[in-house]
C-alpha atoms as a PDB file:
ATOM      1  CA  MET A   1      -0.177   0.505  -0.043  1.00  0.00           C
ATOM      2  CA  THR A   2       1.717   3.704  -1.210  1.00  0.00           C
ATOM      3  CA  TYR A   3       0.627   6.797   0.045  1.00  0.00           C
ATOM      4  CA  VAL A   4      -0.286   9.290  -2.558  1.00  0.00           C
ATOM      5  CA  ASP A   5       1.037  12.627  -3.002  1.00  0.00           C
ATOM      6  CA  ILE A   6      -1.463  15.384  -2.780  1.00  0.00           C
ATOM      7  CA  SER A   7       0.819  18.465  -2.676  1.00  0.00           C
ATOM      8  CA  THR A   8       0.281  18.893  -6.425  1.00  0.00           C
ATOM      9  CA  ILE A   9      -2.992  19.766  -5.596  1.00  0.00           C
ATOM     10  CA  SER A  10      -3.668  23.558  -5.865  1.00  0.00           C
ATOM     11  CA  PRO A  11      -5.958  24.922  -3.405  1.00  0.00           C
ATOM     12  CA  GLN A  12      -8.668  26.305  -5.653  1.00  0.00           C
ATOM     13  CA  LEU A  13      -9.141  22.737  -6.638  1.00  0.00           C
ATOM     14  CA  PHE A  14      -9.256  21.499  -2.939  1.00  0.00           C
ATOM     15  CA  VAL A  15     -11.907  23.994  -2.036  1.00  0.00           C
ATOM     16  CA  THR A  16     -14.374  22.957  -5.004  1.00  0.00           C
ATOM     17  CA  VAL A  17     -14.218  19.289  -4.366  1.00  0.00           C
ATOM     18  CA  LEU A  18     -14.617  20.339  -0.668  1.00  0.00           C
ATOM     19  CA  PHE A  19     -17.713  22.227  -2.204  1.00  0.00           C
ATOM     20  CA  PHE A  20     -19.289  19.623  -4.240  1.00  0.00           C
ATOM     21  CA  LEU A  21     -19.034  16.548  -1.549  1.00  0.00           C
ATOM     22  CA  LEU A  22     -20.496  19.461   1.404  1.00  0.00           C
ATOM     23  CA  ILE A  23     -23.426  21.400  -0.459  1.00  0.00           C
ATOM     24  CA  VAL A  24     -23.909  20.160  -4.057  1.00  0.00           C
ATOM     25  CA  CYS A  25     -23.686  16.173  -3.878  1.00  0.00           C
ATOM     26  CA  PRO A  26     -26.141  16.411  -0.450  1.00  0.00           C
ATOM     27  CA  LEU A  27     -28.840  18.923  -2.135  1.00  0.00           C
ATOM     28  CA  VAL A  28     -28.620  16.257  -5.257  1.00  0.00           C
ATOM     29  CA  SER A  29     -28.883  13.444  -2.927  1.00  0.00           C
ATOM     30  CA  LEU A  30     -31.901  14.486  -1.319  1.00  0.00           C
ATOM     31  CA  GLY A  31     -33.921  15.290  -4.576  1.00  0.00           C
ATOM     32  CA  ILE A  32     -33.346  11.975  -5.957  1.00  0.00           C
ATOM     33  CA  VAL A  33     -34.796  10.457  -2.362  1.00  0.00           C
ATOM     34  CA  ARG A  34     -37.566  12.454  -2.747  1.00  0.00           C
ATOM     35  CA  PHE A  35     -38.078  11.388  -6.218  1.00  0.00           C
ATOM     36  CA  PHE A  36     -38.421   8.062  -4.390  1.00  0.00           C
ATOM     37  CA  GLN A  37     -40.479   9.036  -2.057  1.00  0.00           C
ATOM     38  CA  GLN A  38     -43.107  10.112  -4.747  1.00  0.00           C
ATOM     39  CA  ARG A  39     -42.441  13.981  -3.662  1.00  0.00           C
ATOM     40  CA  VAL A  40     -41.165  15.141  -7.315  1.00  0.00           C
ATOM     41  CA  LYS A  41     -42.073  18.886  -6.068  1.00  0.00           C
ATOM     42  CA  GLN A  42     -39.708  18.691  -3.255  1.00  0.00           C
ATOM     43  CA  GLY A  43     -37.122  16.804  -5.341  1.00  0.00           C
ATOM     44  CA  LEU A  44     -37.108  19.148  -8.321  1.00  0.00           C
ATOM     45  CA  ILE A  45     -36.696  21.891  -5.424  1.00  0.00           C
ATOM     46  CA  TYR A  46     -33.551  20.195  -3.772  1.00  0.00           C
ATOM     47  CA  ILE A  47     -31.976  19.803  -7.452  1.00  0.00           C
ATOM     48  CA  ALA A  48     -32.619  22.941  -8.317  1.00  0.00           C
ATOM     49  CA  ILE A  49     -30.976  25.232  -4.896  1.00  0.00           C
ATOM     50  CA  ALA A  50     -28.009  22.639  -6.048  1.00  0.00           C
ATOM     51  CA  ILE A  51     -27.706  23.619  -9.307  1.00  0.00           C
ATOM     52  CA  VAL A  52     -28.261  27.116  -7.988  1.00  0.00           C
ATOM     53  CA  SER A  53     -25.939  26.821  -5.432  1.00  0.00           C
ATOM     54  CA  TYR A  54     -22.853  25.590  -7.628  1.00  0.00           C
ATOM     55  CA  ILE A  55     -23.419  28.308 -10.462  1.00  0.00           C
ATOM     56  CA  VAL A  56     -23.130  30.818  -7.829  1.00  0.00           C
ATOM     57  CA  PHE A  57     -20.127  29.175  -6.495  1.00  0.00           C
ATOM     58  CA  LEU A  58     -18.373  29.567 -10.142  1.00  0.00           C
ATOM     59  CA  ILE A  59     -19.161  33.232 -10.037  1.00  0.00           C
ATOM     60  CA  VAL A  60     -17.648  33.662  -6.617  1.00  0.00           C
ATOM     61  CA  ALA A  61     -14.282  31.691  -7.678  1.00  0.00           C
ATOM     62  CA  ASP A  62     -13.902  33.312 -11.008  1.00  0.00           C
ATOM     63  CA  PHE A  63     -14.023  36.597  -8.808  1.00  0.00           C
ATOM     64  CA  VAL A  64     -11.795  35.162  -6.359  1.00  0.00           C
ATOM     65  CA  ALA A  65      -9.551  34.116  -8.952  1.00  0.00           C
ATOM     66  CA  LYS A  66      -9.212  37.566 -11.340  1.00  0.00           C
ATOM     67  CA  THR A  67      -8.881  39.059  -8.137  1.00  0.00           C
ATOM     68  CA  TRP A  68      -6.062  37.123  -6.927  1.00  0.00           C
ATOM     69  CA  GLN A  69      -3.993  37.610  -9.838  1.00  0.00           C
END
């Protein structure tokens, strides 16, 4: 068993993956669960919130990347 070298991962990539794991993925997962529970409206709301939060994150990340350069 070997160790993986993560020193080449940029902070921006780390934050993006962290954002996906903590915010977007659970919202999409809850949306899918609501679909299986026959609550289509709530499922669509969760998925829409996930998409909106991802778009907002991309806008903020782009702004931060431009100001850091």
